[in-house]
Amino acid sequence: MIFDRQIVALKRWNYKRRVVRRCGGYTEPLRVNGPCRVTPRTFLGRNVSFNGMAIRGGGRVTIGDNFHSGPECMILTRNHHYEGESIPYDETYVDRDVVIGDNVWLGIRVIVLPGVTIGEGAIIQAGSVVVGDIPKYAIAGGHPCRVFGQRNAEHYERLKREGRFH
């Protein structure tokens, strides 16, 4: 007889297996607690935790160590080419890389658009659409995502030196 805990563990194992098989590289530990989609141009740091993530497009995605995401997040690296040979866009695409630094936390249903860099230690509020770069230690949110606060850098750096990662 299979118990609920065993079913949950099996689902997590299958989610992780799909990410590991598809991504360009990762470092253990890697946690995948929900359905995820990555590309071969996705590179994951140590202690990444996905709770439901879709990464789409042909650009490179680099995610640093100790990254955490809420459910239903998306990282996009491809746009339609609207300056091409047809209106509103042609059959070609423009791919742009996305870089996410160490210790970044994305809330539920965050969307990161092509070409964005999110700095180390940043926190992105649930439901945000990140259209431009976010500096390190920033607390940001909205549509479009704007910085509205800052982590205490001294406190952050102390915890980092002590190796206190979740």
C-alpha atoms as a PDB file:
ATOM      1  CA  MET A   1       0.000   0.000   0.000  1.00  0.00           C
ATOM      2  CA  ILE A   2       1.370   3.423  -1.011  1.00  0.00           C
ATOM      3  CA  PHE A   3       0.897   6.263   1.450  1.00  0.00           C
ATOM      4  CA  ASP A   4       0.427   9.959   0.669  1.00  0.00           C
ATOM      5  CA  ARG A   5       3.993  10.796   1.767  1.00  0.00           C
ATOM      6  CA  GLN A   6       5.381   8.196  -0.621  1.00  0.00           C
ATOM      7  CA  ILE A   7       3.348   9.623  -3.510  1.00  0.00           C
ATOM      8  CA  VAL A   8       4.605  13.152  -2.765  1.00  0.00           C
ATOM      9  CA  ALA A   9       8.207  11.884  -2.599  1.00  0.00           C
ATOM     10  CA  LEU A  10       7.788  10.065  -5.920  1.00  0.00           C
ATOM     11  CA  LYS A  11       6.369  13.197  -7.606  1.00  0.00           C
ATOM     12  CA  ARG A  12       9.262  15.311  -6.296  1.00  0.00           C
ATOM     13  CA  TRP A  13      11.746  12.717  -7.573  1.00  0.00           C
ATOM     14  CA  ASN A  14      10.122  12.756 -11.034  1.00  0.00           C
ATOM     15  CA  TYR A  15      10.074  16.583 -11.133  1.00  0.00           C
ATOM     16  CA  LYS A  16      13.758  16.699 -10.199  1.00  0.00           C
ATOM     17  CA  ARG A  17      14.701  13.985 -12.677  1.00  0.00           C
ATOM     18  CA  ARG A  18      13.130  15.983 -15.529  1.00  0.00           C
ATOM     19  CA  VAL A  19      15.035  19.147 -14.561  1.00  0.00           C
ATOM     20  CA  VAL A  20      18.349  17.293 -14.177  1.00  0.00           C
ATOM     21  CA  ARG A  21      17.927  15.531 -17.512  1.00  0.00           C
ATOM     22  CA  ARG A  22      17.024  18.717 -19.407  1.00  0.00           C
ATOM     23  CA  CYS A  23      19.200  21.512 -17.915  1.00  0.00           C
ATOM     24  CA  GLY A  24      22.712  22.407 -19.054  1.00  0.00           C
ATOM     25  CA  GLY A  25      24.221  21.966 -15.596  1.00  0.00           C
ATOM     26  CA  TYR A  26      23.498  22.044 -11.881  1.00  0.00           C
ATOM     27  CA  THR A  27      25.121  21.509  -8.495  1.00  0.00           C
ATOM     28  CA  GLU A  28      23.592  19.476  -5.676  1.00  0.00           C
ATOM     29  CA  PRO A  29      21.612  19.929  -3.617  1.00  0.00           C
ATOM     30  CA  LEU A  30      18.777  20.688  -6.005  1.00  0.00           C
ATOM     31  CA  ARG A  31      15.142  20.726  -4.842  1.00  0.00           C
ATOM     32  CA  VAL A  32      12.278  20.555  -7.314  1.00  0.00           C
ATOM     33  CA  ASN A  33       8.972  20.565  -5.451  1.00  0.00           C
ATOM     34  CA  GLY A  34       6.596  21.185  -8.333  1.00  0.00           C
ATOM     35  CA  PRO A  35       6.256  20.875 -12.086  1.00  0.00           C
ATOM     36  CA  CYS A  36       9.150  22.596 -13.846  1.00  0.00           C
ATOM     37  CA  ARG A  37      10.392  23.196 -17.337  1.00  0.00           C
ATOM     38  CA  VAL A  38      13.982  24.168 -18.106  1.00  0.00           C
ATOM     39  CA  THR A  39      16.071  24.407 -21.265  1.00  0.00           C
ATOM     40  CA  PRO A  40      19.477  22.946 -22.153  1.00  0.00           C
ATOM     41  CA  ARG A  41      20.811  26.498 -21.774  1.00  0.00           C
ATOM     42  CA  THR A  42      19.777  26.618 -18.083  1.00  0.00           C
ATOM     43  CA  PHE A  43      22.615  26.476 -15.534  1.00  0.00           C
ATOM     44  CA  LEU A  44      21.800  26.141 -11.834  1.00  0.00           C
ATOM     45  CA  GLY A  45      23.974  26.879  -8.826  1.00  0.00           C
ATOM     46  CA  ARG A  46      24.117  24.994  -5.531  1.00  0.00           C
ATOM     47  CA  ASN A  47      21.027  24.672  -3.325  1.00  0.00           C
ATOM     48  CA  VAL A  48      18.494  25.825  -5.921  1.00  0.00           C
ATOM     49  CA  SER A  49      14.866  25.273  -4.895  1.00  0.00           C
ATOM     50  CA  PHE A  50      12.124  25.352  -7.514  1.00  0.00           C
ATOM     51  CA  ASN A  51       8.502  25.155  -6.431  1.00  0.00           C
ATOM     52  CA  GLY A  52       7.149  25.307  -9.964  1.00  0.00           C
ATOM     53  CA  MET A  53       9.155  27.090 -12.645  1.00  0.00           C
ATOM     54  CA  ALA A  54       8.924  27.431 -16.415  1.00  0.00           C
ATOM     55  CA  ILE A  55      12.024  28.596 -18.255  1.00  0.00           C
ATOM     56  CA  ARG A  56      11.385  29.227 -21.949  1.00  0.00           C
ATOM     57  CA  GLY A  57      13.331  30.494 -24.933  1.00  0.00           C
ATOM     58  CA  GLY A  58      16.720  30.094 -26.548  1.00  0.00           C
ATOM     59  CA  GLY A  59      18.735  32.435 -24.322  1.00  0.00           C
ATOM     60  CA  ARG A  60      21.022  31.298 -21.539  1.00  0.00           C
ATOM     61  CA  VAL A  61      19.686  31.322 -17.960  1.00  0.00           C
ATOM     62  CA  THR A  62      22.217  31.358 -15.132  1.00  0.00           C
ATOM     63  CA  ILE A  63      20.853  31.015 -11.588  1.00  0.00           C
ATOM     64  CA  GLY A  64      23.182  31.398  -8.615  1.00  0.00           C
ATOM     65  CA  ASP A  65      23.440  29.493  -5.347  1.00  0.00           C
ATOM     66  CA  ASN A  66      20.642  29.366  -2.741  1.00  0.00           C
ATOM     67  CA  PHE A  67      17.930  30.491  -5.161  1.00  0.00           C
ATOM     68  CA  HIS A  68      14.300  29.970  -4.114  1.00  0.00           C
ATOM     69  CA  SER A  69      11.158  30.418  -6.174  1.00  0.00           C
ATOM     70  CA  GLY A  70       7.495  30.349  -5.336  1.00  0.00           C
ATOM     71  CA  PRO A  71       5.019  28.364  -7.437  1.00  0.00           C
ATOM     72  CA  GLU A  72       4.162  29.250 -11.030  1.00  0.00           C
ATOM     73  CA  CYS A  73       7.184  31.447 -11.800  1.00  0.00           C
ATOM     74  CA  MET A  74       8.431  32.002 -15.362  1.00  0.00           C
ATOM     75  CA  ILE A  75      11.717  33.094 -16.855  1.00  0.00           C
ATOM     76  CA  LEU A  76      11.509  34.076 -20.526  1.00  0.00           C
ATOM     77  CA  THR A  77      14.545  34.525 -22.776  1.00  0.00           C
ATOM     78  CA  ARG A  78      12.891  34.931 -26.186  1.00  0.00           C
ATOM     79  CA  ASN A  79      10.872  37.688 -27.860  1.00  0.00           C
ATOM     80  CA  HIS A  80       9.279  37.784 -31.291  1.00  0.00           C
ATOM     81  CA  HIS A  81      11.257  39.935 -33.727  1.00  0.00           C
ATOM     82  CA  TYR A  82       8.981  42.928 -34.227  1.00  0.00           C
ATOM     83  CA  GLU A  83      11.563  44.856 -36.308  1.00  0.00           C
ATOM     84  CA  GLY A  84      11.708  42.060 -38.892  1.00  0.00           C
ATOM     85  CA  GLU A  85      10.088  41.592 -42.285  1.00  0.00           C
ATOM     86  CA  SER A  86       6.425  41.403 -41.180  1.00  0.00           C
ATOM     87  CA  ILE A  87       3.954  43.231 -38.955  1.00  0.00           C
ATOM     88  CA  PRO A  88       3.294  42.743 -36.050  1.00  0.00           C
ATOM     89  CA  TYR A  89       6.368  40.429 -36.063  1.00  0.00           C
ATOM     90  CA  ASP A  90       8.061  37.941 -38.366  1.00  0.00           C
ATOM     91  CA  GLU A  91       9.003  34.276 -37.923  1.00  0.00           C
ATOM     92  CA  THR A  92      12.355  35.015 -36.276  1.00  0.00           C
ATOM     93  CA  TYR A  93      13.151  35.509 -32.606  1.00  0.00           C
ATOM     94  CA  VAL A  94      15.446  37.603 -30.467  1.00  0.00           C
ATOM     95  CA  ASP A  95      17.045  35.645 -27.612  1.00  0.00           C
ATOM     96  CA  ARG A  96      18.509  37.437 -24.580  1.00  0.00           C
ATOM     97  CA  ASP A  97      20.202  35.919 -21.539  1.00  0.00           C
ATOM     98  CA  VAL A  98      18.902  36.125 -17.975  1.00  0.00           C
ATOM     99  CA  VAL A  99      21.259  36.167 -14.981  1.00  0.00           C
ATOM    100  CA  ILE A 100      20.055  35.681 -11.410  1.00  0.00           C
ATOM    101  CA  GLY A 101      22.589  36.134  -8.615  1.00  0.00           C
ATOM    102  CA  ASP A 102      23.132  34.141  -5.434  1.00  0.00           C
ATOM    103  CA  ASN A 103      20.535  34.115  -2.632  1.00  0.00           C
ATOM    104  CA  VAL A 104      17.661  35.490  -4.723  1.00  0.00           C
ATOM    105  CA  TRP A 105      14.058  34.798  -3.764  1.00  0.00           C
ATOM    106  CA  LEU A 106      11.193  35.042  -6.257  1.00  0.00           C
ATOM    107  CA  GLY A 107       7.675  35.099  -4.814  1.00  0.00           C
ATOM    108  CA  ILE A 108       4.662  33.326  -6.286  1.00  0.00           C
ATOM    109  CA  ARG A 109       3.928  33.926 -10.010  1.00  0.00           C
ATOM    110  CA  VAL A 110       6.898  36.166 -10.749  1.00  0.00           C
ATOM    111  CA  ILE A 111       7.698  36.625 -14.444  1.00  0.00           C
ATOM    112  CA  VAL A 112      11.243  37.548 -15.493  1.00  0.00           C
ATOM    113  CA  LEU A 113      11.537  38.928 -19.038  1.00  0.00           C
ATOM    114  CA  PRO A 114      14.460  38.484 -21.482  1.00  0.00           C
ATOM    115  CA  GLY A 115      17.737  40.307 -20.847  1.00  0.00           C
ATOM    116  CA  VAL A 116      17.202  40.871 -17.117  1.00  0.00           C
ATOM    117  CA  THR A 117      19.871  40.605 -14.425  1.00  0.00           C
ATOM    118  CA  ILE A 118      18.734  40.220 -10.809  1.00  0.00           C
ATOM    119  CA  GLY A 119      21.476  41.032  -8.322  1.00  0.00           C
ATOM    120  CA  GLU A 120      22.636  39.000  -5.356  1.00  0.00           C
ATOM    121  CA  GLY A 121      20.286  38.834  -2.384  1.00  0.00           C
ATOM    122  CA  ALA A 122      17.343  40.471  -4.150  1.00  0.00           C
ATOM    123  CA  ILE A 123      13.754  39.657  -3.209  1.00  0.00           C
ATOM    124  CA  ILE A 124      11.029  39.933  -5.847  1.00  0.00           C
ATOM    125  CA  GLN A 125       7.456  40.348  -4.600  1.00  0.00           C
ATOM    126  CA  ALA A 126       4.735  37.873  -5.639  1.00  0.00           C
ATOM    127  CA  GLY A 127       2.997  38.636  -8.934  1.00  0.00           C
ATOM    128  CA  SER A 128       5.739  40.933 -10.229  1.00  0.00           C
ATOM    129  CA  VAL A 129       6.878  41.272 -13.828  1.00  0.00           C
ATOM    130  CA  VAL A 130      10.613  41.989 -13.913  1.00  0.00           C
ATOM    131  CA  VAL A 131      11.277  44.043 -17.052  1.00  0.00           C
ATOM    132  CA  GLY A 132      14.671  45.569 -16.132  1.00  0.00           C
ATOM    133  CA  ASP A 133      17.718  44.901 -14.000  1.00  0.00           C
ATOM    134  CA  ILE A 134      17.342  44.714 -10.212  1.00  0.00           C
ATOM    135  CA  PRO A 135      20.377  45.650  -8.061  1.00  0.00           C
ATOM    136  CA  LYS A 136      21.817  43.492  -5.316  1.00  0.00           C
ATOM    137  CA  TYR A 137      20.020  43.489  -1.938  1.00  0.00           C
ATOM    138  CA  ALA A 138      16.951  45.156  -3.482  1.00  0.00           C
ATOM    139  CA  ILE A 139      13.379  44.396  -2.486  1.00  0.00           C
ATOM    140  CA  ALA A 140      11.248  44.983  -5.557  1.00  0.00           C
ATOM    141  CA  GLY A 141       7.781  44.353  -6.897  1.00  0.00           C
ATOM    142  CA  GLY A 142       4.960  45.372  -9.172  1.00  0.00           C
ATOM    143  CA  HIS A 143       4.275  45.540 -12.864  1.00  0.00           C
ATOM    144  CA  PRO A 144       6.654  46.755 -14.037  1.00  0.00           C
ATOM    145  CA  CYS A 145       8.851  45.655 -11.153  1.00  0.00           C
ATOM    146  CA  ARG A 146      10.369  48.592  -9.237  1.00  0.00           C
ATOM    147  CA  VAL A 147      12.706  48.713  -6.260  1.00  0.00           C
ATOM    148  CA  PHE A 148      10.868  49.885  -3.141  1.00  0.00           C
ATOM    149  CA  GLY A 149      13.180  48.693  -0.381  1.00  0.00           C
ATOM    150  CA  GLN A 150      16.592  47.366   0.499  1.00  0.00           C
ATOM    151  CA  ARG A 151      17.897  44.542   2.625  1.00  0.00           C
ATOM    152  CA  ASN A 152      20.136  45.447   5.530  1.00  0.00           C
ATOM    153  CA  ALA A 153      23.472  44.822   3.761  1.00  0.00           C
ATOM    154  CA  GLU A 154      25.465  44.453   7.003  1.00  0.00           C
ATOM    155  CA  HIS A 155      23.049  41.829   8.359  1.00  0.00           C
ATOM    156  CA  TYR A 156      22.968  40.024   4.998  1.00  0.00           C
ATOM    157  CA  GLU A 157      26.775  39.889   4.742  1.00  0.00           C
ATOM    158  CA  ARG A 158      27.080  38.606   8.335  1.00  0.00           C
ATOM    159  CA  LEU A 159      24.651  35.736   7.628  1.00  0.00           C
ATOM    160  CA  LYS A 160      26.496  34.986   4.403  1.00  0.00           C
ATOM    161  CA  ARG A 161      29.891  34.847   6.195  1.00  0.00           C
ATOM    162  CA  GLU A 162      28.386  32.491   8.786  1.00  0.00           C
ATOM    163  CA  GLY A 163      27.065  30.222   6.013  1.00  0.00           C
ATOM    164  CA  ARG A 164      23.478  30.493   7.223  1.00  0.00           C
ATOM    165  CA  PHE A 165      21.599  29.467   4.072  1.00  0.00           C
ATOM    166  CA  HIS A 166      18.110  27.949   3.911  1.00  0.00           C
END
